[in-house]
Amino acid sequence: MLNLWSLGHLLQWFIIGRFFLKSWPIFLLLSINWELLELILPYEFTIETPINKITDLIVNAIGFYLGNRLRKDKK
């Protein structure tokens, strides 16, 4: 499910992909592990349905992809 947090995910990974990180394997490692870490963190914002975790990963990938496509150092 998409929600306001989804916009945050999109913007966060867009900025990371645009300015800081080019590596897809590192992106996947960070993105997936964060979603797994949320399963054990004792905070209310980490309580999500499984479908929301999946959409978070999809939105993360879209943001990272768009950020990478707009990098200035891309040849």
PDB file of N, CA and C in Angstrom:
ATOM      1  N   MET A   1       0.833  -1.179   0.000  1.00  0.00           N
ATOM      2  CA  MET A   1       0.000   0.000   0.000  1.00  0.00           C
ATOM      3  C   MET A   1       0.878   1.242   0.000  1.00  0.00           C
ATOM      4  N   LEU A   2       0.486   2.186  -0.773  1.00  0.00           N
ATOM      5  CA  LEU A   2       1.197   3.458  -0.801  1.00  0.00           C
ATOM      6  C   LEU A   2       0.601   4.387   0.246  1.00  0.00           C
ATOM      7  N   ASN A   3       1.481   5.121   0.913  1.00  0.00           N
ATOM      8  CA  ASN A   3       1.050   6.076   1.926  1.00  0.00           C
ATOM      9  C   ASN A   3       2.061   7.223   1.969  1.00  0.00           C
ATOM     10  N   LEU A   4       1.944   8.077   2.962  1.00  0.00           N
ATOM     11  CA  LEU A   4       2.861   9.207   3.058  1.00  0.00           C
ATOM     12  C   LEU A   4       4.301   8.752   3.262  1.00  0.00           C
ATOM     13  N   TRP A   5       4.486   7.639   3.966  1.00  0.00           N
ATOM     14  CA  TRP A   5       5.829   7.100   4.160  1.00  0.00           C
ATOM     15  C   TRP A   5       6.448   6.714   2.814  1.00  0.00           C
ATOM     16  N   SER A   6       5.619   6.301   1.866  1.00  0.00           N
ATOM     17  CA  SER A   6       6.118   5.921   0.538  1.00  0.00           C
ATOM     18  C   SER A   6       6.802   7.097  -0.143  1.00  0.00           C
ATOM     19  N   LEU A   7       6.220   8.275  -0.002  1.00  0.00           N
ATOM     20  CA  LEU A   7       6.835   9.472  -0.578  1.00  0.00           C
ATOM     21  C   LEU A   7       8.198   9.724   0.062  1.00  0.00           C
ATOM     22  N   GLY A   8       8.281   9.524   1.372  1.00  0.00           N
ATOM     23  CA  GLY A   8       9.562   9.661   2.062  1.00  0.00           C
ATOM     24  C   GLY A   8      10.592   8.675   1.554  1.00  0.00           C
ATOM     25  N   HIS A   9      10.176   7.428   1.336  1.00  0.00           N
ATOM     26  CA  HIS A   9      11.070   6.411   0.797  1.00  0.00           C
ATOM     27  C   HIS A   9      11.563   6.819  -0.596  1.00  0.00           C
ATOM     28  N   LEU A  10      10.636   7.269  -1.426  1.00  0.00           N
ATOM     29  CA  LEU A  10      10.982   7.668  -2.790  1.00  0.00           C
ATOM     30  C   LEU A  10      12.006   8.800  -2.783  1.00  0.00           C
ATOM     31  N   LEU A  11      11.739   9.826  -2.012  1.00  0.00           N
ATOM     32  CA  LEU A  11      12.658  10.976  -1.956  1.00  0.00           C
ATOM     33  C   LEU A  11      14.012  10.596  -1.362  1.00  0.00           C
ATOM     34  N   GLN A  12      13.990   9.802  -0.305  1.00  0.00           N
ATOM     35  CA  GLN A  12      15.239   9.379   0.334  1.00  0.00           C
ATOM     36  C   GLN A  12      16.129   8.631  -0.645  1.00  0.00           C
ATOM     37  N   TRP A  13      15.581   7.642  -1.318  1.00  0.00           N
ATOM     38  CA  TRP A  13      16.396   6.834  -2.227  1.00  0.00           C
ATOM     39  C   TRP A  13      16.723   7.571  -3.512  1.00  0.00           C
ATOM     40  N   PHE A  14      15.874   8.523  -3.919  1.00  0.00           N
ATOM     41  CA  PHE A  14      16.209   9.365  -5.057  1.00  0.00           C
ATOM     42  C   PHE A  14      17.468  10.174  -4.739  1.00  0.00           C
ATOM     43  N   ILE A  15      17.489  10.798  -3.574  1.00  0.00           N
ATOM     44  CA  ILE A  15      18.648  11.610  -3.170  1.00  0.00           C
ATOM     45  C   ILE A  15      19.892  10.742  -3.031  1.00  0.00           C
ATOM     46  N   ILE A  16      19.747   9.586  -2.419  1.00  0.00           N
ATOM     47  CA  ILE A  16      20.904   8.689  -2.261  1.00  0.00           C
ATOM     48  C   ILE A  16      21.418   8.256  -3.635  1.00  0.00           C
ATOM     49  N   GLY A  17      20.514   7.877  -4.534  1.00  0.00           N
ATOM     50  CA  GLY A  17      20.914   7.455  -5.871  1.00  0.00           C
ATOM     51  C   GLY A  17      21.477   8.594  -6.710  1.00  0.00           C
ATOM     52  N   ARG A  18      20.977   9.782  -6.493  1.00  0.00           N
ATOM     53  CA  ARG A  18      21.399  10.942  -7.285  1.00  0.00           C
ATOM     54  C   ARG A  18      22.771  11.457  -6.870  1.00  0.00           C
ATOM     55  N   PHE A  19      23.024  11.476  -5.561  1.00  0.00           N
ATOM     56  CA  PHE A  19      24.226  12.147  -5.073  1.00  0.00           C
ATOM     57  C   PHE A  19      25.273  11.244  -4.403  1.00  0.00           C
ATOM     58  N   PHE A  20      24.879  10.075  -3.918  1.00  0.00           N
ATOM     59  CA  PHE A  20      25.796   9.333  -3.071  1.00  0.00           C
ATOM     60  C   PHE A  20      26.171   7.928  -3.532  1.00  0.00           C
ATOM     61  N   LEU A  21      25.265   7.208  -4.135  1.00  0.00           N
ATOM     62  CA  LEU A  21      25.478   5.778  -4.346  1.00  0.00           C
ATOM     63  C   LEU A  21      25.075   5.369  -5.755  1.00  0.00           C
ATOM     64  N   LYS A  22      25.935   4.607  -6.407  1.00  0.00           N
ATOM     65  CA  LYS A  22      25.624   4.099  -7.746  1.00  0.00           C
ATOM     66  C   LYS A  22      25.389   2.596  -7.758  1.00  0.00           C
ATOM     67  N   SER A  23      25.828   1.899  -6.747  1.00  0.00           N
ATOM     68  CA  SER A  23      25.842   0.439  -6.735  1.00  0.00           C
ATOM     69  C   SER A  23      24.474  -0.163  -6.395  1.00  0.00           C
ATOM     70  N   TRP A  24      23.930  -0.930  -7.342  1.00  0.00           N
ATOM     71  CA  TRP A  24      22.675  -1.629  -7.092  1.00  0.00           C
ATOM     72  C   TRP A  24      22.810  -2.698  -6.015  1.00  0.00           C
ATOM     73  N   PRO A  25      23.883  -3.484  -5.992  1.00  0.00           N
ATOM     74  CA  PRO A  25      23.993  -4.476  -4.912  1.00  0.00           C
ATOM     75  C   PRO A  25      24.006  -3.839  -3.518  1.00  0.00           C
ATOM     76  N   ILE A  26      24.700  -2.719  -3.362  1.00  0.00           N
ATOM     77  CA  ILE A  26      24.723  -2.053  -2.059  1.00  0.00           C
ATOM     78  C   ILE A  26      23.349  -1.478  -1.745  1.00  0.00           C
ATOM     79  N   PHE A  27      22.689  -0.900  -2.745  1.00  0.00           N
ATOM     80  CA  PHE A  27      21.325  -0.409  -2.550  1.00  0.00           C
ATOM     81  C   PHE A  27      20.418  -1.531  -2.053  1.00  0.00           C
ATOM     82  N   LEU A  28      20.469  -2.677  -2.730  1.00  0.00           N
ATOM     83  CA  LEU A  28      19.611  -3.795  -2.338  1.00  0.00           C
ATOM     84  C   LEU A  28      19.916  -4.273  -0.926  1.00  0.00           C
ATOM     85  N   LEU A  29      21.185  -4.356  -0.596  1.00  0.00           N
ATOM     86  CA  LEU A  29      21.589  -4.767   0.743  1.00  0.00           C
ATOM     87  C   LEU A  29      21.016  -3.814   1.794  1.00  0.00           C
ATOM     88  N   LEU A  30      21.191  -2.519   1.584  1.00  0.00           N
ATOM     89  CA  LEU A  30      20.693  -1.533   2.547  1.00  0.00           C
ATOM     90  C   LEU A  30      19.167  -1.521   2.621  1.00  0.00           C
ATOM     91  N   SER A  31      18.531  -1.517   1.489  1.00  0.00           N
ATOM     92  CA  SER A  31      17.083  -1.402   1.435  1.00  0.00           C
ATOM     93  C   SER A  31      16.397  -2.623   2.058  1.00  0.00           C
ATOM     94  N   ILE A  32      16.809  -3.797   1.660  1.00  0.00           N
ATOM     95  CA  ILE A  32      16.193  -5.022   2.186  1.00  0.00           C
ATOM     96  C   ILE A  32      16.495  -5.192   3.666  1.00  0.00           C
ATOM     97  N   ASN A  33      17.735  -4.936   4.056  1.00  0.00           N
ATOM     98  CA  ASN A  33      18.076  -5.097   5.471  1.00  0.00           C
ATOM     99  C   ASN A  33      17.350  -4.096   6.352  1.00  0.00           C
ATOM    100  N   TRP A  34      17.111  -2.885   5.860  1.00  0.00           N
ATOM    101  CA  TRP A  34      16.341  -1.930   6.661  1.00  0.00           C
ATOM    102  C   TRP A  34      14.929  -2.455   6.880  1.00  0.00           C
ATOM    103  N   GLU A  35      14.304  -2.975   5.834  1.00  0.00           N
ATOM    104  CA  GLU A  35      12.944  -3.507   5.983  1.00  0.00           C
ATOM    105  C   GLU A  35      12.933  -4.690   6.949  1.00  0.00           C
ATOM    106  N   LEU A  36      13.966  -5.519   6.921  1.00  0.00           N
ATOM    107  CA  LEU A  36      14.054  -6.630   7.877  1.00  0.00           C
ATOM    108  C   LEU A  36      14.280  -6.113   9.299  1.00  0.00           C
ATOM    109  N   LEU A  37      15.108  -5.101   9.443  1.00  0.00           N
ATOM    110  CA  LEU A  37      15.357  -4.522  10.762  1.00  0.00           C
ATOM    111  C   LEU A  37      14.075  -3.951  11.359  1.00  0.00           C
ATOM    112  N   GLU A  38      13.226  -3.385  10.523  1.00  0.00           N
ATOM    113  CA  GLU A  38      11.961  -2.839  11.011  1.00  0.00           C
ATOM    114  C   GLU A  38      11.090  -3.906  11.665  1.00  0.00           C
ATOM    115  N   LEU A  39      11.296  -5.160  11.311  1.00  0.00           N
ATOM    116  CA  LEU A  39      10.509  -6.245  11.914  1.00  0.00           C
ATOM    117  C   LEU A  39      10.797  -6.406  13.403  1.00  0.00           C
ATOM    118  N   ILE A  40      11.983  -6.010  13.846  1.00  0.00           N
ATOM    119  CA  ILE A  40      12.336  -6.199  15.252  1.00  0.00           C
ATOM    120  C   ILE A  40      12.452  -4.897  16.048  1.00  0.00           C
ATOM    121  N   LEU A  41      12.424  -3.756  15.373  1.00  0.00           N
ATOM    122  CA  LEU A  41      12.496  -2.480  16.090  1.00  0.00           C
ATOM    123  C   LEU A  41      11.195  -2.237  16.859  1.00  0.00           C
ATOM    124  N   PRO A  42      11.299  -1.769  18.091  1.00  0.00           N
ATOM    125  CA  PRO A  42      10.100  -1.604  18.932  1.00  0.00           C
ATOM    126  C   PRO A  42       9.427  -0.230  18.794  1.00  0.00           C
ATOM    127  N   TYR A  43       9.279   0.268  17.589  1.00  0.00           N
ATOM    128  CA  TYR A  43       8.674   1.577  17.377  1.00  0.00           C
ATOM    129  C   TYR A  43       7.395   1.427  16.557  1.00  0.00           C
ATOM    130  N   GLU A  44       6.449   2.301  16.827  1.00  0.00           N
ATOM    131  CA  GLU A  44       5.159   2.206  16.147  1.00  0.00           C
ATOM    132  C   GLU A  44       5.273   2.386  14.632  1.00  0.00           C
ATOM    133  N   PHE A  45       6.185   3.267  14.176  1.00  0.00           N
ATOM    134  CA  PHE A  45       6.304   3.517  12.733  1.00  0.00           C
ATOM    135  C   PHE A  45       6.807   2.300  11.969  1.00  0.00           C
ATOM    136  N   THR A  46       7.345   1.302  12.670  1.00  0.00           N
ATOM    137  CA  THR A  46       7.879   0.118  11.981  1.00  0.00           C
ATOM    138  C   THR A  46       6.838  -0.979  11.809  1.00  0.00           C
ATOM    139  N   ILE A  47       5.657  -0.790  12.376  1.00  0.00           N
ATOM    140  CA  ILE A  47       4.606  -1.810  12.263  1.00  0.00           C
ATOM    141  C   ILE A  47       3.905  -1.630  10.920  1.00  0.00           C
ATOM    142  N   GLU A  48       4.082  -2.615  10.052  1.00  0.00           N
ATOM    143  CA  GLU A  48       3.512  -2.544   8.704  1.00  0.00           C
ATOM    144  C   GLU A  48       3.005  -3.920   8.294  1.00  0.00           C
ATOM    145  N   THR A  49       2.129  -3.917   7.314  1.00  0.00           N
ATOM    146  CA  THR A  49       1.679  -5.178   6.743  1.00  0.00           C
ATOM    147  C   THR A  49       2.745  -5.699   5.777  1.00  0.00           C
ATOM    148  N   PRO A  50       2.732  -6.994   5.499  1.00  0.00           N
ATOM    149  CA  PRO A  50       3.704  -7.528   4.529  1.00  0.00           C
ATOM    150  C   PRO A  50       3.615  -6.856   3.156  1.00  0.00           C
ATOM    151  N   ILE A  51       2.413  -6.536   2.701  1.00  0.00           N
ATOM    152  CA  ILE A  51       2.278  -5.887   1.394  1.00  0.00           C
ATOM    153  C   ILE A  51       2.905  -4.495   1.425  1.00  0.00           C
ATOM    154  N   ASN A  52       2.842  -3.817   2.570  1.00  0.00           N
ATOM    155  CA  ASN A  52       3.457  -2.506   2.681  1.00  0.00           C
ATOM    156  C   ASN A  52       4.976  -2.614   2.627  1.00  0.00           C
ATOM    157  N   LYS A  53       5.538  -3.659   3.214  1.00  0.00           N
ATOM    158  CA  LYS A  53       6.989  -3.877   3.139  1.00  0.00           C
ATOM    159  C   LYS A  53       7.409  -4.071   1.677  1.00  0.00           C
ATOM    160  N   ILE A  54       6.615  -4.826   0.933  1.00  0.00           N
ATOM    161  CA  ILE A  54       6.926  -5.074  -0.480  1.00  0.00           C
ATOM    162  C   ILE A  54       6.831  -3.779  -1.280  1.00  0.00           C
ATOM    163  N   THR A  55       5.777  -2.996  -1.044  1.00  0.00           N
ATOM    164  CA  THR A  55       5.655  -1.738  -1.786  1.00  0.00           C
ATOM    165  C   THR A  55       6.763  -0.767  -1.395  1.00  0.00           C
ATOM    166  N   ASP A  56       7.211  -0.809  -0.132  1.00  0.00           N
ATOM    167  CA  ASP A  56       8.353   0.020   0.263  1.00  0.00           C
ATOM    168  C   ASP A  56       9.579  -0.320  -0.575  1.00  0.00           C
ATOM    169  N   LEU A  57       9.838  -1.603  -0.759  1.00  0.00           N
ATOM    170  CA  LEU A  57      10.999  -2.025  -1.553  1.00  0.00           C
ATOM    171  C   LEU A  57      10.866  -1.587  -3.009  1.00  0.00           C
ATOM    172  N   ILE A  58       9.661  -1.667  -3.542  1.00  0.00           N
ATOM    173  CA  ILE A  58       9.428  -1.246  -4.930  1.00  0.00           C
ATOM    174  C   ILE A  58       9.632   0.261  -5.066  1.00  0.00           C
ATOM    175  N   VAL A  59       9.077   1.025  -4.134  1.00  0.00           N
ATOM    176  CA  VAL A  59       9.232   2.487  -4.165  1.00  0.00           C
ATOM    177  C   VAL A  59      10.693   2.862  -3.973  1.00  0.00           C
ATOM    178  N   ASN A  60      11.394   2.156  -3.080  1.00  0.00           N
ATOM    179  CA  ASN A  60      12.826   2.399  -2.887  1.00  0.00           C
ATOM    180  C   ASN A  60      13.571   2.229  -4.214  1.00  0.00           C
ATOM    181  N   ALA A  61      13.275   1.138  -4.913  1.00  0.00           N
ATOM    182  CA  ALA A  61      13.961   0.846  -6.177  1.00  0.00           C
ATOM    183  C   ALA A  61      13.644   1.912  -7.228  1.00  0.00           C
ATOM    184  N   ILE A  62      12.409   2.365  -7.289  1.00  0.00           N
ATOM    185  CA  ILE A  62      12.038   3.410  -8.249  1.00  0.00           C
ATOM    186  C   ILE A  62      12.801   4.692  -7.939  1.00  0.00           C
ATOM    187  N   GLY A  63      12.837   5.078  -6.668  1.00  0.00           N
ATOM    188  CA  GLY A  63      13.563   6.286  -6.278  1.00  0.00           C
ATOM    189  C   GLY A  63      15.045   6.179  -6.596  1.00  0.00           C
ATOM    190  N   PHE A  64      15.647   5.041  -6.279  1.00  0.00           N
ATOM    191  CA  PHE A  64      17.066   4.845  -6.540  1.00  0.00           C
ATOM    192  C   PHE A  64      17.353   4.852  -8.036  1.00  0.00           C
ATOM    193  N   TYR A  65      16.509   4.200  -8.808  1.00  0.00           N
ATOM    194  CA  TYR A  65      16.659   4.167 -10.262  1.00  0.00           C
ATOM    195  C   TYR A  65      16.602   5.586 -10.843  1.00  0.00           C
ATOM    196  N   LEU A  66      15.589   6.351 -10.445  1.00  0.00           N
ATOM    197  CA  LEU A  66      15.451   7.713 -10.963  1.00  0.00           C
ATOM    198  C   LEU A  66      16.632   8.584 -10.559  1.00  0.00           C
ATOM    199  N   GLY A  67      17.068   8.443  -9.323  1.00  0.00           N
ATOM    200  CA  GLY A  67      18.227   9.204  -8.866  1.00  0.00           C
ATOM    201  C   GLY A  67      19.473   8.865  -9.656  1.00  0.00           C
ATOM    202  N   ASN A  68      19.684   7.582  -9.917  1.00  0.00           N
ATOM    203  CA  ASN A  68      20.846   7.157 -10.705  1.00  0.00           C
ATOM    204  C   ASN A  68      20.762   7.662 -12.139  1.00  0.00           C
ATOM    205  N   ARG A  69      19.577   7.680 -12.705  1.00  0.00           N
ATOM    206  CA  ARG A  69      19.407   8.149 -14.088  1.00  0.00           C
ATOM    207  C   ARG A  69      19.747   9.635 -14.235  1.00  0.00           C
ATOM    208  N   LEU A  70      19.607  10.393 -13.162  1.00  0.00           N
ATOM    209  CA  LEU A  70      19.849  11.834 -13.225  1.00  0.00           C
ATOM    210  C   LEU A  70      21.184  12.249 -12.619  1.00  0.00           C
ATOM    211  N   ARG A  71      22.081  11.315 -12.420  1.00  0.00           N
ATOM    212  CA  ARG A  71      23.411  11.644 -11.861  1.00  0.00           C
ATOM    213  C   ARG A  71      24.174  12.531 -12.838  1.00  0.00           C
ATOM    214  N   LYS A  72      24.907  13.503 -12.305  1.00  0.00           N
ATOM    215  CA  LYS A  72      25.732  14.378 -13.148  1.00  0.00           C
ATOM    216  C   LYS A  72      26.963  13.667 -13.664  1.00  0.00           C
ATOM    217  N   ASP A  73      27.507  12.712 -12.899  1.00  0.00           N
ATOM    218  CA  ASP A  73      28.735  12.045 -13.309  1.00  0.00           C
ATOM    219  C   ASP A  73      28.489  10.865 -14.243  1.00  0.00           C
ATOM    220  N   LYS A  74      27.232  10.675 -14.649  1.00  0.00           N
ATOM    221  CA  LYS A  74      26.915   9.585 -15.565  1.00  0.00           C
ATOM    222  C   LYS A  74      27.450   9.895 -16.943  1.00  0.00           C
ATOM    223  N   LYS A  75      28.013   8.897 -17.572  1.00  0.00           N
ATOM    224  CA  LYS A  75      28.598   9.103 -18.892  1.00  0.00           C
ATOM    225  C   LYS A  75      27.674   8.617 -19.973  1.00  0.00           C
TER     226      LYS A  75
END
